[in-house]
Amino acid sequence: MPYESFPPFAIIVGAITAMGGVHYAVQMLYEGKPKPVGQDNFDRLMKYRDERVRAEAKREAGVVMRGGAKKRGRGDGPSPERSRRRPRARREGSPAADPRAL
């Protein structure tokens, strides 16, 4: 009977589909995006270049923010007046204590 072969076939197809779905779900859970498929060397190099450019832009933005170009709002850290430190006292015998040592 042909209809008797349908349940095992459905179980096999369902199991294979579930394996792919679980793999996709785990990838999305840990990485937050689908796994990149079919990337060649050019795509990888562009990804690394983009990461470097983003890091450099973030560093430059940090320099601008510390320089005072950004308005300080609530929760942005100490005000510039509070962030100034007093000079530390120099210890006797340290090279920094004797200006001629430099």
PDB file of N, CA and C in Angstrom:
ATOM      1  N   MET A   1       0.822  -1.166   0.000  1.00  0.00           N
ATOM      2  CA  MET A   1       0.000   0.000   0.000  1.00  0.00           C
ATOM      3  C   MET A   1       0.883   1.253   0.000  1.00  0.00           C
ATOM      4  N   PRO A   2       0.657   2.181  -0.900  1.00  0.00           N
ATOM      5  CA  PRO A   2       1.503   3.369  -0.987  1.00  0.00           C
ATOM      6  C   PRO A   2       1.335   4.320   0.198  1.00  0.00           C
ATOM      7  N   TYR A   3       0.174   4.403   0.793  1.00  0.00           N
ATOM      8  CA  TYR A   3      -0.042   5.341   1.894  1.00  0.00           C
ATOM      9  C   TYR A   3       0.686   4.907   3.160  1.00  0.00           C
ATOM     10  N   GLU A   4       1.089   3.655   3.242  1.00  0.00           N
ATOM     11  CA  GLU A   4       1.816   3.172   4.418  1.00  0.00           C
ATOM     12  C   GLU A   4       3.261   3.683   4.451  1.00  0.00           C
ATOM     13  N   SER A   5       3.771   4.085   3.312  1.00  0.00           N
ATOM     14  CA  SER A   5       5.155   4.579   3.279  1.00  0.00           C
ATOM     15  C   SER A   5       5.243   6.071   3.616  1.00  0.00           C
ATOM     16  N   PHE A   6       4.112   6.746   3.706  1.00  0.00           N
ATOM     17  CA  PHE A   6       4.146   8.188   3.981  1.00  0.00           C
ATOM     18  C   PHE A   6       4.619   8.537   5.400  1.00  0.00           C
ATOM     19  N   PRO A   7       4.148   7.898   6.471  1.00  0.00           N
ATOM     20  CA  PRO A   7       4.608   8.287   7.821  1.00  0.00           C
ATOM     21  C   PRO A   7       6.118   8.179   8.029  1.00  0.00           C
ATOM     22  N   PRO A   8       6.785   7.083   7.619  1.00  0.00           N
ATOM     23  CA  PRO A   8       8.247   7.065   7.800  1.00  0.00           C
ATOM     24  C   PRO A   8       8.958   8.147   6.977  1.00  0.00           C
ATOM     25  N   PHE A   9       8.447   8.371   5.759  1.00  0.00           N
ATOM     26  CA  PHE A   9       9.033   9.412   4.913  1.00  0.00           C
ATOM     27  C   PHE A   9       8.867  10.786   5.572  1.00  0.00           C
ATOM     28  N   ALA A  10       7.704  11.068   6.144  1.00  0.00           N
ATOM     29  CA  ALA A  10       7.454  12.347   6.815  1.00  0.00           C
ATOM     30  C   ALA A  10       8.350  12.499   8.041  1.00  0.00           C
ATOM     31  N   ILE A  11       8.584  11.401   8.762  1.00  0.00           N
ATOM     32  CA  ILE A  11       9.461  11.461   9.937  1.00  0.00           C
ATOM     33  C   ILE A  11      10.892  11.784   9.518  1.00  0.00           C
ATOM     34  N   ILE A  12      11.354  11.140   8.457  1.00  0.00           N
ATOM     35  CA  ILE A  12      12.726  11.376   7.981  1.00  0.00           C
ATOM     36  C   ILE A  12      12.885  12.824   7.515  1.00  0.00           C
ATOM     37  N   VAL A  13      11.945  13.303   6.696  1.00  0.00           N
ATOM     38  CA  VAL A  13      12.022  14.681   6.197  1.00  0.00           C
ATOM     39  C   VAL A  13      11.919  15.675   7.358  1.00  0.00           C
ATOM     40  N   GLY A  14      11.036  15.414   8.309  1.00  0.00           N
ATOM     41  CA  GLY A  14      10.885  16.295   9.470  1.00  0.00           C
ATOM     42  C   GLY A  14      12.140  16.345  10.319  1.00  0.00           C
ATOM     43  N   ALA A  15      12.804  15.198  10.499  1.00  0.00           N
ATOM     44  CA  ALA A  15      14.030  15.160  11.302  1.00  0.00           C
ATOM     45  C   ALA A  15      15.153  15.948  10.628  1.00  0.00           C
ATOM     46  N   ILE A  16      15.287  15.787   9.323  1.00  0.00           N
ATOM     47  CA  ILE A  16      16.334  16.522   8.599  1.00  0.00           C
ATOM     48  C   ILE A  16      16.053  18.027   8.648  1.00  0.00           C
ATOM     49  N   THR A  17      14.786  18.407   8.483  1.00  0.00           N
ATOM     50  CA  THR A  17      14.413  19.821   8.556  1.00  0.00           C
ATOM     51  C   THR A  17      14.666  20.377   9.957  1.00  0.00           C
ATOM     52  N   ALA A  18      14.354  19.598  10.977  1.00  0.00           N
ATOM     53  CA  ALA A  18      14.563  20.047  12.360  1.00  0.00           C
ATOM     54  C   ALA A  18      16.043  20.246  12.650  1.00  0.00           C
ATOM     55  N   MET A  19      16.903  19.382  12.100  1.00  0.00           N
ATOM     56  CA  MET A  19      18.348  19.557  12.318  1.00  0.00           C
ATOM     57  C   MET A  19      18.823  20.895  11.762  1.00  0.00           C
ATOM     58  N   GLY A  20      18.378  21.234  10.557  1.00  0.00           N
ATOM     59  CA  GLY A  20      18.756  22.517   9.970  1.00  0.00           C
ATOM     60  C   GLY A  20      18.197  23.688  10.750  1.00  0.00           C
ATOM     61  N   GLY A  21      16.954  23.562  11.199  1.00  0.00           N
ATOM     62  CA  GLY A  21      16.331  24.639  11.967  1.00  0.00           C
ATOM     63  C   GLY A  21      17.009  24.866  13.301  1.00  0.00           C
ATOM     64  N   VAL A  22      17.390  23.777  13.973  1.00  0.00           N
ATOM     65  CA  VAL A  22      18.083  23.906  15.259  1.00  0.00           C
ATOM     66  C   VAL A  22      19.454  24.547  15.055  1.00  0.00           C
ATOM     67  N   HIS A  23      20.148  24.147  13.997  1.00  0.00           N
ATOM     68  CA  HIS A  23      21.458  24.733  13.705  1.00  0.00           C
ATOM     69  C   HIS A  23      21.323  26.238  13.452  1.00  0.00           C
ATOM     70  N   TYR A  24      20.328  26.630  12.680  1.00  0.00           N
ATOM     71  CA  TYR A  24      20.096  28.049  12.391  1.00  0.00           C
ATOM     72  C   TYR A  24      19.753  28.810  13.671  1.00  0.00           C
ATOM     73  N   ALA A  25      18.902  28.222  14.517  1.00  0.00           N
ATOM     74  CA  ALA A  25      18.492  28.886  15.759  1.00  0.00           C
ATOM     75  C   ALA A  25      19.675  29.083  16.701  1.00  0.00           C
ATOM     76  N   VAL A  26      20.540  28.076  16.804  1.00  0.00           N
ATOM     77  CA  VAL A  26      21.713  28.196  17.677  1.00  0.00           C
ATOM     78  C   VAL A  26      22.654  29.272  17.142  1.00  0.00           C
ATOM     79  N   GLN A  27      22.840  29.310  15.826  1.00  0.00           N
ATOM     80  CA  GLN A  27      23.696  30.330  15.217  1.00  0.00           C
ATOM     81  C   GLN A  27      23.143  31.728  15.494  1.00  0.00           C
ATOM     82  N   MET A  28      21.846  31.901  15.347  1.00  0.00           N
ATOM     83  CA  MET A  28      21.221  33.201  15.608  1.00  0.00           C
ATOM     84  C   MET A  28      21.317  33.569  17.089  1.00  0.00           C
ATOM     85  N   LEU A  29      21.203  32.589  17.959  1.00  0.00           N
ATOM     86  CA  LEU A  29      21.255  32.850  19.395  1.00  0.00           C
ATOM     87  C   LEU A  29      22.637  33.344  19.816  1.00  0.00           C
ATOM     88  N   TYR A  30      23.688  32.704  19.313  1.00  0.00           N
ATOM     89  CA  TYR A  30      25.045  33.064  19.735  1.00  0.00           C
ATOM     90  C   TYR A  30      25.626  34.230  18.947  1.00  0.00           C
ATOM     91  N   GLU A  31      25.362  34.303  17.665  1.00  0.00           N
ATOM     92  CA  GLU A  31      25.976  35.335  16.831  1.00  0.00           C
ATOM     93  C   GLU A  31      25.067  36.536  16.598  1.00  0.00           C
ATOM     94  N   GLY A  32      23.766  36.334  16.664  1.00  0.00           N
ATOM     95  CA  GLY A  32      22.836  37.423  16.423  1.00  0.00           C
ATOM     96  C   GLY A  32      22.555  37.679  14.960  1.00  0.00           C
ATOM     97  N   LYS A  33      23.127  36.886  14.088  1.00  0.00           N
ATOM     98  CA  LYS A  33      22.885  37.028  12.656  1.00  0.00           C
ATOM     99  C   LYS A  33      23.122  35.674  11.998  1.00  0.00           C
ATOM    100  N   PRO A  34      22.593  35.469  10.807  1.00  0.00           N
ATOM    101  CA  PRO A  34      22.792  34.179  10.147  1.00  0.00           C
ATOM    102  C   PRO A  34      24.261  33.941   9.796  1.00  0.00           C
ATOM    103  N   LYS A  35      24.609  32.690   9.676  1.00  0.00           N
ATOM    104  CA  LYS A  35      25.978  32.326   9.327  1.00  0.00           C
ATOM    105  C   LYS A  35      26.267  32.767   7.896  1.00  0.00           C
ATOM    106  N   PRO A  36      27.387  33.438   7.672  1.00  0.00           N
ATOM    107  CA  PRO A  36      27.713  33.847   6.307  1.00  0.00           C
ATOM    108  C   PRO A  36      28.112  32.636   5.465  1.00  0.00           C
ATOM    109  N   VAL A  37      27.432  32.467   4.365  1.00  0.00           N
ATOM    110  CA  VAL A  37      27.675  31.317   3.499  1.00  0.00           C
ATOM    111  C   VAL A  37      28.236  31.831   2.180  1.00  0.00           C
ATOM    112  N   GLY A  38      29.221  31.150   1.644  1.00  0.00           N
ATOM    113  CA  GLY A  38      29.751  31.482   0.329  1.00  0.00           C
ATOM    114  C   GLY A  38      30.660  32.700   0.330  1.00  0.00           C
ATOM    115  N   GLN A  39      31.323  32.976   1.433  1.00  0.00           N
ATOM    116  CA  GLN A  39      32.245  34.107   1.454  1.00  0.00           C
ATOM    117  C   GLN A  39      33.601  33.676   0.911  1.00  0.00           C
ATOM    118  N   ASP A  40      34.166  34.517   0.083  1.00  0.00           N
ATOM    119  CA  ASP A  40      35.508  34.237  -0.398  1.00  0.00           C
ATOM    120  C   ASP A  40      36.498  35.141   0.343  1.00  0.00           C
ATOM    121  N   ASN A  41      37.731  35.111  -0.083  1.00  0.00           N
ATOM    122  CA  ASN A  41      38.783  35.864   0.599  1.00  0.00           C
ATOM    123  C   ASN A  41      38.512  37.367   0.562  1.00  0.00           C
ATOM    124  N   PHE A  42      37.979  37.866  -0.566  1.00  0.00           N
ATOM    125  CA  PHE A  42      37.679  39.293  -0.687  1.00  0.00           C
ATOM    126  C   PHE A  42      36.667  39.723   0.371  1.00  0.00           C
ATOM    127  N   ASP A  43      35.618  38.935   0.563  1.00  0.00           N
ATOM    128  CA  ASP A  43      34.595  39.273   1.562  1.00  0.00           C
ATOM    129  C   ASP A  43      35.188  39.302   2.964  1.00  0.00           C
ATOM    130  N   ARG A  44      36.056  38.351   3.274  1.00  0.00           N
ATOM    131  CA  ARG A  44      36.685  38.324   4.599  1.00  0.00           C
ATOM    132  C   ARG A  44      37.583  39.540   4.803  1.00  0.00           C
ATOM    133  N   LEU A  45      38.360  39.883   3.783  1.00  0.00           N
ATOM    134  CA  LEU A  45      39.236  41.049   3.899  1.00  0.00           C
ATOM    135  C   LEU A  45      38.425  42.334   4.077  1.00  0.00           C
ATOM    136  N   MET A  46      37.292  42.440   3.384  1.00  0.00           N
ATOM    137  CA  MET A  46      36.438  43.618   3.542  1.00  0.00           C
ATOM    138  C   MET A  46      35.848  43.681   4.948  1.00  0.00           C
ATOM    139  N   LYS A  47      35.522  42.527   5.517  1.00  0.00           N
ATOM    140  CA  LYS A  47      34.985  42.500   6.879  1.00  0.00           C
ATOM    141  C   LYS A  47      36.041  42.999   7.865  1.00  0.00           C
ATOM    142  N   TYR A  48      37.289  42.539   7.722  1.00  0.00           N
ATOM    143  CA  TYR A  48      38.361  42.979   8.620  1.00  0.00           C
ATOM    144  C   TYR A  48      38.654  44.467   8.434  1.00  0.00           C
ATOM    145  N   ARG A  49      38.607  44.941   7.186  1.00  0.00           N
ATOM    146  CA  ARG A  49      38.837  46.358   6.921  1.00  0.00           C
ATOM    147  C   ARG A  49      37.748  47.200   7.582  1.00  0.00           C
ATOM    148  N   ASP A  50      36.494  46.763   7.455  1.00  0.00           N
ATOM    149  CA  ASP A  50      35.391  47.498   8.074  1.00  0.00           C
ATOM    150  C   ASP A  50      35.540  47.553   9.588  1.00  0.00           C
ATOM    151  N   GLU A  51      35.991  46.453  10.195  1.00  0.00           N
ATOM    152  CA  GLU A  51      36.200  46.445  11.647  1.00  0.00           C
ATOM    153  C   GLU A  51      37.275  47.450  12.046  1.00  0.00           C
ATOM    154  N   ARG A  52      38.362  47.514  11.269  1.00  0.00           N
ATOM    155  CA  ARG A  52      39.426  48.473  11.571  1.00  0.00           C
ATOM    156  C   ARG A  52      38.938  49.915  11.416  1.00  0.00           C
ATOM    157  N   VAL A  53      38.157  50.174  10.356  1.00  0.00           N
ATOM    158  CA  VAL A  53      37.648  51.527  10.129  1.00  0.00           C
ATOM    159  C   VAL A  53      36.709  51.931  11.255  1.00  0.00           C
ATOM    160  N   ARG A  54      35.839  51.014  11.686  1.00  0.00           N
ATOM    161  CA  ARG A  54      34.924  51.321  12.791  1.00  0.00           C
ATOM    162  C   ARG A  54      35.695  51.605  14.078  1.00  0.00           C
ATOM    163  N   ALA A  55      36.725  50.790  14.351  1.00  0.00           N
ATOM    164  CA  ALA A  55      37.517  50.995  15.566  1.00  0.00           C
ATOM    165  C   ALA A  55      38.235  52.345  15.518  1.00  0.00           C
ATOM    166  N   GLU A  56      38.767  52.702  14.359  1.00  0.00           N
ATOM    167  CA  GLU A  56      39.456  53.986  14.228  1.00  0.00           C
ATOM    168  C   GLU A  56      38.481  55.149  14.393  1.00  0.00           C
ATOM    169  N   ALA A  57      37.289  55.030  13.815  1.00  0.00           N
ATOM    170  CA  ALA A  57      36.285  56.087  13.956  1.00  0.00           C
ATOM    171  C   ALA A  57      35.850  56.226  15.406  1.00  0.00           C
ATOM    172  N   LYS A  58      35.732  55.099  16.092  1.00  0.00           N
ATOM    173  CA  LYS A  58      35.340  55.143  17.506  1.00  0.00           C
ATOM    174  C   LYS A  58      36.435  55.813  18.333  1.00  0.00           C
ATOM    175  N   ARG A  59      37.705  55.497  18.021  1.00  0.00           N
ATOM    176  CA  ARG A  59      38.820  56.122  18.731  1.00  0.00           C
ATOM    177  C   ARG A  59      38.826  57.632  18.501  1.00  0.00           C
ATOM    178  N   GLU A  60      38.642  58.056  17.247  1.00  0.00           N
ATOM    179  CA  GLU A  60      38.644  59.486  16.945  1.00  0.00           C
ATOM    180  C   GLU A  60      37.470  60.185  17.610  1.00  0.00           C
ATOM    181  N   ALA A  61      36.329  59.538  17.668  1.00  0.00           N
ATOM    182  CA  ALA A  61      35.169  60.130  18.342  1.00  0.00           C
ATOM    183  C   ALA A  61      35.454  60.282  19.827  1.00  0.00           C
ATOM    184  N   GLY A  62      36.174  59.354  20.410  1.00  0.00           N
ATOM    185  CA  GLY A  62      36.541  59.455  21.818  1.00  0.00           C
ATOM    186  C   GLY A  62      37.471  60.618  22.072  1.00  0.00           C
ATOM    187  N   VAL A  63      38.387  60.886  21.148  1.00  0.00           N
ATOM    188  CA  VAL A  63      39.302  62.016  21.291  1.00  0.00           C
ATOM    189  C   VAL A  63      38.515  63.309  21.221  1.00  0.00           C
ATOM    190  N   VAL A  64      37.557  63.399  20.317  1.00  0.00           N
ATOM    191  CA  VAL A  64      36.748  64.608  20.187  1.00  0.00           C
ATOM    192  C   VAL A  64      35.923  64.812  21.442  1.00  0.00           C
ATOM    193  N   MET A  65      35.345  63.739  21.979  1.00  0.00           N
ATOM    194  CA  MET A  65      34.516  63.869  23.172  1.00  0.00           C
ATOM    195  C   MET A  65      35.352  64.312  24.359  1.00  0.00           C
ATOM    196  N   ARG A  66      36.559  63.784  24.514  1.00  0.00           N
ATOM    197  CA  ARG A  66      37.398  64.176  25.638  1.00  0.00           C
ATOM    198  C   ARG A  66      37.882  65.606  25.484  1.00  0.00           C
ATOM    199  N   GLY A  67      37.977  66.082  24.240  1.00  0.00           N
ATOM    200  CA  GLY A  67      38.433  67.437  24.003  1.00  0.00           C
ATOM    201  C   GLY A  67      37.405  68.493  24.351  1.00  0.00           C
ATOM    202  N   GLY A  68      36.176  68.101  24.604  1.00  0.00           N
ATOM    203  CA  GLY A  68      35.161  69.049  25.020  1.00  0.00           C
ATOM    204  C   GLY A  68      34.210  69.452  23.911  1.00  0.00           C
ATOM    205  N   ALA A  69      34.296  68.844  22.733  1.00  0.00           N
ATOM    206  CA  ALA A  69      33.406  69.216  21.647  1.00  0.00           C
ATOM    207  C   ALA A  69      31.984  68.725  21.905  1.00  0.00           C
ATOM    208  N   LYS A  70      31.843  67.683  22.672  1.00  0.00           N
ATOM    209  CA  LYS A  70      30.523  67.130  22.959  1.00  0.00           C
ATOM    210  C   LYS A  70      29.984  67.774  24.226  1.00  0.00           C
ATOM    211  N   LYS A  71      28.700  68.113  24.210  1.00  0.00           N
ATOM    212  CA  LYS A  71      28.089  68.646  25.425  1.00  0.00           C
ATOM    213  C   LYS A  71      27.934  67.519  26.414  1.00  0.00           C
ATOM    214  N   ARG A  72      28.288  67.777  27.629  1.00  0.00           N
ATOM    215  CA  ARG A  72      28.154  66.745  28.650  1.00  0.00           C
ATOM    216  C   ARG A  72      26.733  66.748  29.169  1.00  0.00           C
ATOM    217  N   GLY A  73      26.155  65.588  29.157  1.00  0.00           N
ATOM    218  CA  GLY A  73      24.809  65.439  29.684  1.00  0.00           C
ATOM    219  C   GLY A  73      24.845  64.654  30.971  1.00  0.00           C
ATOM    220  N   ARG A  74      23.714  64.247  31.379  1.00  0.00           N
ATOM    221  CA  ARG A  74      23.611  63.491  32.618  1.00  0.00           C
ATOM    222  C   ARG A  74      24.185  62.097  32.418  1.00  0.00           C
ATOM    223  N   GLY A  75      25.062  61.678  33.282  1.00  0.00           N
ATOM    224  CA  GLY A  75      25.608  60.334  33.219  1.00  0.00           C
ATOM    225  C   GLY A  75      26.805  60.175  32.314  1.00  0.00           C
ATOM    226  N   ASP A  76      27.383  61.277  31.825  1.00  0.00           N
ATOM    227  CA  ASP A  76      28.531  61.180  30.938  1.00  0.00           C
ATOM    228  C   ASP A  76      29.854  61.177  31.680  1.00  0.00           C
ATOM    229  N   GLY A  77      29.826  61.061  32.979  1.00  0.00           N
ATOM    230  CA  GLY A  77      31.058  61.040  33.736  1.00  0.00           C
ATOM    231  C   GLY A  77      31.258  62.344  34.476  1.00  0.00           C
ATOM    232  N   PRO A  78      32.417  62.511  35.074  1.00  0.00           N
ATOM    233  CA  PRO A  78      32.652  63.721  35.868  1.00  0.00           C
ATOM    234  C   PRO A  78      32.769  64.948  34.977  1.00  0.00           C
ATOM    235  N   SER A  79      32.450  66.088  35.549  1.00  0.00           N
ATOM    236  CA  SER A  79      32.578  67.328  34.797  1.00  0.00           C
ATOM    237  C   SER A  79      34.065  67.633  34.627  1.00  0.00           C
ATOM    238  N   PRO A  80      34.425  68.471  33.648  1.00  0.00           N
ATOM    239  CA  PRO A  80      35.849  68.767  33.435  1.00  0.00           C
ATOM    240  C   PRO A  80      36.513  69.377  34.658  1.00  0.00           C
ATOM    241  N   GLU A  81      35.756  70.150  35.457  1.00  0.00           N
ATOM    242  CA  GLU A  81      36.354  70.751  36.642  1.00  0.00           C
ATOM    243  C   GLU A  81      36.732  69.677  37.656  1.00  0.00           C
ATOM    244  N   ARG A  82      35.917  68.671  37.783  1.00  0.00           N
ATOM    245  CA  ARG A  82      36.177  67.616  38.763  1.00  0.00           C
ATOM    246  C   ARG A  82      37.251  66.640  38.296  1.00  0.00           C
ATOM    247  N   SER A  83      37.443  66.543  36.984  1.00  0.00           N
ATOM    248  CA  SER A  83      38.368  65.532  36.493  1.00  0.00           C
ATOM    249  C   SER A  83      39.830  65.965  36.582  1.00  0.00           C
ATOM    250  N   ARG A  84      40.087  67.228  36.912  1.00  0.00           N
ATOM    251  CA  ARG A  84      41.474  67.666  37.037  1.00  0.00           C
ATOM    252  C   ARG A  84      42.089  67.077  38.289  1.00  0.00           C
ATOM    253  N   ARG A  85      43.278  66.551  38.151  1.00  0.00           N
ATOM    254  CA  ARG A  85      43.969  65.948  39.295  1.00  0.00           C
ATOM    255  C   ARG A  85      45.006  66.904  39.843  1.00  0.00           C
ATOM    256  N   ARG A  86      45.251  66.744  41.117  1.00  0.00           N
ATOM    257  CA  ARG A  86      46.363  67.466  41.710  1.00  0.00           C
ATOM    258  C   ARG A  86      47.639  66.710  41.381  1.00  0.00           C
ATOM    259  N   PRO A  87      48.746  67.408  41.198  1.00  0.00           N
ATOM    260  CA  PRO A  87      49.999  66.691  40.929  1.00  0.00           C
ATOM    261  C   PRO A  87      50.394  65.842  42.131  1.00  0.00           C
ATOM    262  N   ARG A  88      50.903  64.666  41.832  1.00  0.00           N
ATOM    263  CA  ARG A  88      51.316  63.763  42.909  1.00  0.00           C
ATOM    264  C   ARG A  88      52.637  64.230  43.509  1.00  0.00           C
ATOM    265  N   ALA A  89      52.772  63.975  44.780  1.00  0.00           N
ATOM    266  CA  ALA A  89      54.026  64.310  45.454  1.00  0.00           C
ATOM    267  C   ALA A  89      55.095  63.330  45.000  1.00  0.00           C
ATOM    268  N   ARG A  90      56.282  63.860  44.751  1.00  0.00           N
ATOM    269  CA  ARG A  90      57.370  62.992  44.302  1.00  0.00           C
ATOM    270  C   ARG A  90      58.105  62.437  45.505  1.00  0.00           C
ATOM    271  N   ARG A  91      58.480  61.185  45.392  1.00  0.00           N
ATOM    272  CA  ARG A  91      59.211  60.536  46.484  1.00  0.00           C
ATOM    273  C   ARG A  91      60.679  60.909  46.441  1.00  0.00           C
ATOM    274  N   GLU A  92      61.272  60.926  47.604  1.00  0.00           N
ATOM    275  CA  GLU A  92      62.712  61.164  47.679  1.00  0.00           C
ATOM    276  C   GLU A  92      63.440  59.992  47.037  1.00  0.00           C
ATOM    277  N   GLY A  93      64.435  60.297  46.256  1.00  0.00           N
ATOM    278  CA  GLY A  93      65.262  59.255  45.671  1.00  0.00           C
ATOM    279  C   GLY A  93      64.738  58.712  44.351  1.00  0.00           C
ATOM    280  N   SER A  94      63.545  59.116  43.945  1.00  0.00           N
ATOM    281  CA  SER A  94      63.042  58.621  42.662  1.00  0.00           C
ATOM    282  C   SER A  94      63.624  59.482  41.549  1.00  0.00           C
ATOM    283  N   PRO A  95      63.784  58.935  40.353  1.00  0.00           N
ATOM    284  CA  PRO A  95      64.356  59.730  39.261  1.00  0.00           C
ATOM    285  C   PRO A  95      63.503  60.942  38.927  1.00  0.00           C
ATOM    286  N   ALA A  96      62.186  60.848  39.162  1.00  0.00           N
ATOM    287  CA  ALA A  96      61.324  61.986  38.852  1.00  0.00           C
ATOM    288  C   ALA A  96      61.501  63.114  39.853  1.00  0.00           C
ATOM    289  N   ALA A  97      62.047  62.826  41.038  1.00  0.00           N
ATOM    290  CA  ALA A  97      62.241  63.863  42.054  1.00  0.00           C
ATOM    291  C   ALA A  97      63.390  64.793  41.682  1.00  0.00           C
ATOM    292  N   ASP A  98      64.359  64.295  40.944  1.00  0.00           N
ATOM    293  CA  ASP A  98      65.519  65.101  40.573  1.00  0.00           C
ATOM    294  C   ASP A  98      65.379  65.523  39.116  1.00  0.00           C
ATOM    295  N   PRO A  99      65.129  66.811  38.821  1.00  0.00           N
ATOM    296  CA  PRO A  99      64.949  67.229  37.433  1.00  0.00           C
ATOM    297  C   PRO A  99      66.212  67.066  36.596  1.00  0.00           C
ATOM    298  N   ARG A 100      67.385  67.020  37.234  1.00  0.00           N
ATOM    299  CA  ARG A 100      68.626  66.849  36.471  1.00  0.00           C
ATOM    300  C   ARG A 100      68.804  65.423  35.990  1.00  0.00           C
ATOM    301  N   ALA A 101      68.062  64.482  36.592  1.00  0.00           N
ATOM    302  CA  ALA A 101      68.214  63.075  36.216  1.00  0.00           C
ATOM    303  C   ALA A 101      67.610  62.797  34.843  1.00  0.00           C
ATOM    304  N   LEU A 102      66.712  63.669  34.419  1.00  0.00           N
ATOM    305  CA  LEU A 102      66.070  63.453  33.122  1.00  0.00           C
ATOM    306  C   LEU A 102      66.946  63.995  32.073  1.00  0.00           C
TER     307      LEU A 102
END
